[in-house]
Amino acid sequence: MSAEDFTEDARVAAAAYRLAAVADGWESEPLYQNEPEECAAKLRSRTGFVMHVIARSPDDRPERVTRRVPEGGVHVWGPDGLVVRVGRTYSREEIDAGLTTCNNCGARDARTFRYSFAGRACAACLPEMRRLHERRGWAD
């Protein structure tokens, strides 16, 4: 669930993901000062992982926001600062395995490398991912 989805199912799944992570020992705090932790949270594990969880209902949206729909999403980064892809259900094993899983082809137990700002790819996928994401001026 590494991208937001604007459905009630995604909102419920993201909220459950956060609760399961907290129960597993992750420390949670509000992601934004003006929004409750239940709607937007930043979590940290003792092993250096960072997670952002968005679980907003239509009623959680400020009045100035015109699109009032549910929103749910979970984003995880490893201690190395690279993205870890996760599913809709919390799994510490899946998060740990994400450090050695290519986010492009899905190869597991692979040495992974950074591309772009936080992309994670195996050696076989790395040249193509860099070609697609690191064009001239991409980091300007």
Protein backbone atom coordinates (compact mmCIF):
# COMPACT_ATOMS: atom_id res chain seq x y z
CA MET A 1 0.00 0.00 0.00
CA SER A 2 2.72 2.44 -0.91
CA ALA A 3 0.37 4.92 -2.53
CA GLU A 4 -2.73 6.73 -1.39
CA ASP A 5 -6.08 5.37 -2.44
CA PHE A 6 -9.23 7.43 -2.18
CA THR A 7 -11.62 4.75 -0.94
CA GLU A 8 -13.15 3.91 2.41
CA ASP A 9 -11.54 0.43 2.26
CA ALA A 10 -8.08 2.00 1.92
CA ARG A 11 -8.77 4.38 4.83
CA VAL A 12 -9.85 1.51 7.08
CA ALA A 13 -6.86 -0.62 6.03
CA ALA A 14 -4.41 2.22 6.72
CA ALA A 15 -5.92 2.91 10.15
CA ALA A 16 -5.67 -0.81 11.01
CA TYR A 17 -2.07 -0.86 9.72
CA ARG A 18 -1.12 1.98 12.09
CA LEU A 19 -2.78 0.30 15.07
CA ALA A 20 -1.01 -3.00 14.33
CA ALA A 21 2.35 -1.23 14.02
CA VAL A 22 1.84 0.56 17.34
CA ALA A 23 0.88 -2.76 18.96
CA ASP A 24 4.14 -4.18 17.54
CA GLY A 25 6.20 -1.48 19.27
CA TRP A 26 6.42 1.36 16.74
CA GLU A 27 6.36 4.86 18.25
CA SER A 28 3.66 7.06 16.73
CA GLU A 29 3.25 10.83 16.63
CA PRO A 30 1.16 13.26 14.56
CA LEU A 31 2.58 13.85 11.10
CA TYR A 32 1.16 17.39 10.95
CA GLN A 33 0.49 19.83 13.80
CA ASN A 34 -3.00 20.67 12.55
CA GLU A 35 -4.22 17.09 12.07
CA PRO A 36 -4.96 14.29 14.56
CA GLU A 37 -2.52 11.39 14.76
CA GLU A 38 -5.33 9.00 13.78
CA CYS A 39 -5.59 10.80 10.42
CA ALA A 40 -1.91 11.42 9.64
CA ALA A 41 0.85 9.76 11.64
CA LYS A 42 4.61 9.36 11.55
CA LEU A 43 5.89 6.15 13.11
CA ARG A 44 9.41 5.04 13.96
CA SER A 45 10.69 1.58 14.80
CA ARG A 46 13.53 0.83 17.17
CA THR A 47 15.47 -0.54 14.19
CA GLY A 48 15.40 2.72 12.20
CA PHE A 49 12.42 2.28 9.89
CA VAL A 50 10.09 5.27 9.33
CA MET A 51 6.45 5.05 8.31
CA HIS A 52 3.85 7.62 7.30
CA VAL A 53 0.21 6.59 7.56
CA ILE A 54 -2.67 8.61 6.11
CA ALA A 55 -6.19 7.53 7.15
CA ARG A 56 -8.57 10.43 6.52
CA SER A 57 -12.33 10.21 6.38
CA PRO A 58 -14.30 12.79 4.35
CA ASP A 59 -15.26 14.50 7.63
CA ASP A 60 -11.57 14.93 8.55
CA ARG A 61 -11.00 17.29 5.63
CA PRO A 62 -10.78 21.01 6.37
CA GLU A 63 -13.57 23.11 4.91
CA ARG A 64 -11.20 24.71 2.39
CA VAL A 65 -10.50 21.32 0.78
CA THR A 66 -12.91 20.81 -2.08
CA ARG A 67 -12.35 17.07 -2.58
CA ARG A 68 -13.96 15.54 0.49
CA VAL A 69 -13.34 11.81 0.03
CA PRO A 70 -11.77 9.11 2.21
CA GLU A 71 -8.03 8.60 1.85
CA GLY A 72 -5.76 5.82 3.01
CA GLY A 73 -2.09 5.09 2.46
CA VAL A 74 1.02 3.69 4.10
CA HIS A 75 4.58 4.64 3.11
CA VAL A 76 7.64 2.97 4.67
CA TRP A 77 11.34 3.79 4.41
CA GLY A 78 14.14 1.57 5.64
CA PRO A 79 17.04 2.63 7.88
CA ASP A 80 18.92 3.28 4.62
CA GLY A 81 16.32 5.90 3.62
CA LEU A 82 15.01 3.86 0.68
CA VAL A 83 11.38 2.94 0.03
CA VAL A 84 10.04 -0.36 1.33
CA ARG A 85 6.90 -1.54 -0.46
CA VAL A 86 4.23 -2.97 1.82
CA GLY A 87 0.82 -4.57 1.44
CA ARG A 88 -2.51 -3.55 2.98
CA THR A 89 -1.99 -5.64 6.13
CA TYR A 90 0.81 -4.97 8.62
CA SER A 91 3.60 -7.53 8.61
CA ARG A 92 6.92 -6.90 10.33
CA GLU A 93 8.42 -9.75 8.30
CA GLU A 94 7.35 -8.08 5.05
CA ILE A 95 8.84 -4.76 6.16
CA ASP A 96 12.16 -6.38 7.13
CA ALA A 97 12.25 -8.35 3.85
CA GLY A 98 11.69 -5.09 1.97
CA LEU A 99 15.32 -4.13 2.56
CA THR A 100 16.38 -6.88 0.18
CA THR A 101 13.43 -6.79 -2.22
CA CYS A 102 13.57 -4.97 -5.56
CA ASN A 103 10.64 -2.56 -5.84
CA ASN A 104 10.62 -2.97 -9.62
CA CYS A 105 10.79 -6.70 -10.38
CA GLY A 106 10.07 -8.03 -6.88
CA ALA A 107 13.28 -10.09 -6.62
CA ARG A 108 13.76 -11.13 -2.99
CA ASP A 109 16.97 -11.60 -1.04
CA ALA A 110 18.74 -9.30 -3.51
CA ARG A 111 21.29 -6.61 -2.87
CA THR A 112 19.42 -3.39 -3.54
CA PHE A 113 20.64 0.02 -4.68
CA ARG A 114 19.31 3.57 -4.58
CA TYR A 115 17.92 5.26 -7.67
CA SER A 116 16.30 8.67 -7.83
CA PHE A 117 15.63 10.03 -4.33
CA ALA A 118 14.52 6.89 -2.47
CA GLY A 119 13.91 4.16 -5.05
CA ARG A 120 15.15 0.64 -4.32
CA ALA A 121 16.19 -1.68 -7.17
CA CYS A 122 18.25 -4.82 -7.69
CA ALA A 123 21.38 -4.71 -9.86
CA ALA A 124 19.49 -6.03 -12.89
CA CYS A 125 16.79 -3.32 -12.72
CA LEU A 126 19.02 -0.45 -11.63
CA PRO A 127 20.15 0.82 -15.07
CA GLU A 128 16.57 0.98 -16.37
CA MET A 129 15.22 2.62 -13.22
CA ARG A 130 17.98 5.24 -13.37
CA ARG A 131 17.24 5.82 -17.06
CA LEU A 132 13.55 6.34 -16.33
CA HIS A 133 13.86 8.43 -13.17
CA GLU A 134 17.20 10.23 -13.29
CA ARG A 135 17.03 12.37 -16.37
CA ARG A 136 19.13 15.47 -16.82
CA GLY A 137 18.33 17.93 -14.04
CA TRP A 138 16.20 15.42 -12.07
CA ALA A 139 17.73 16.49 -8.75
CA ASP A 140 17.78 20.24 -9.38
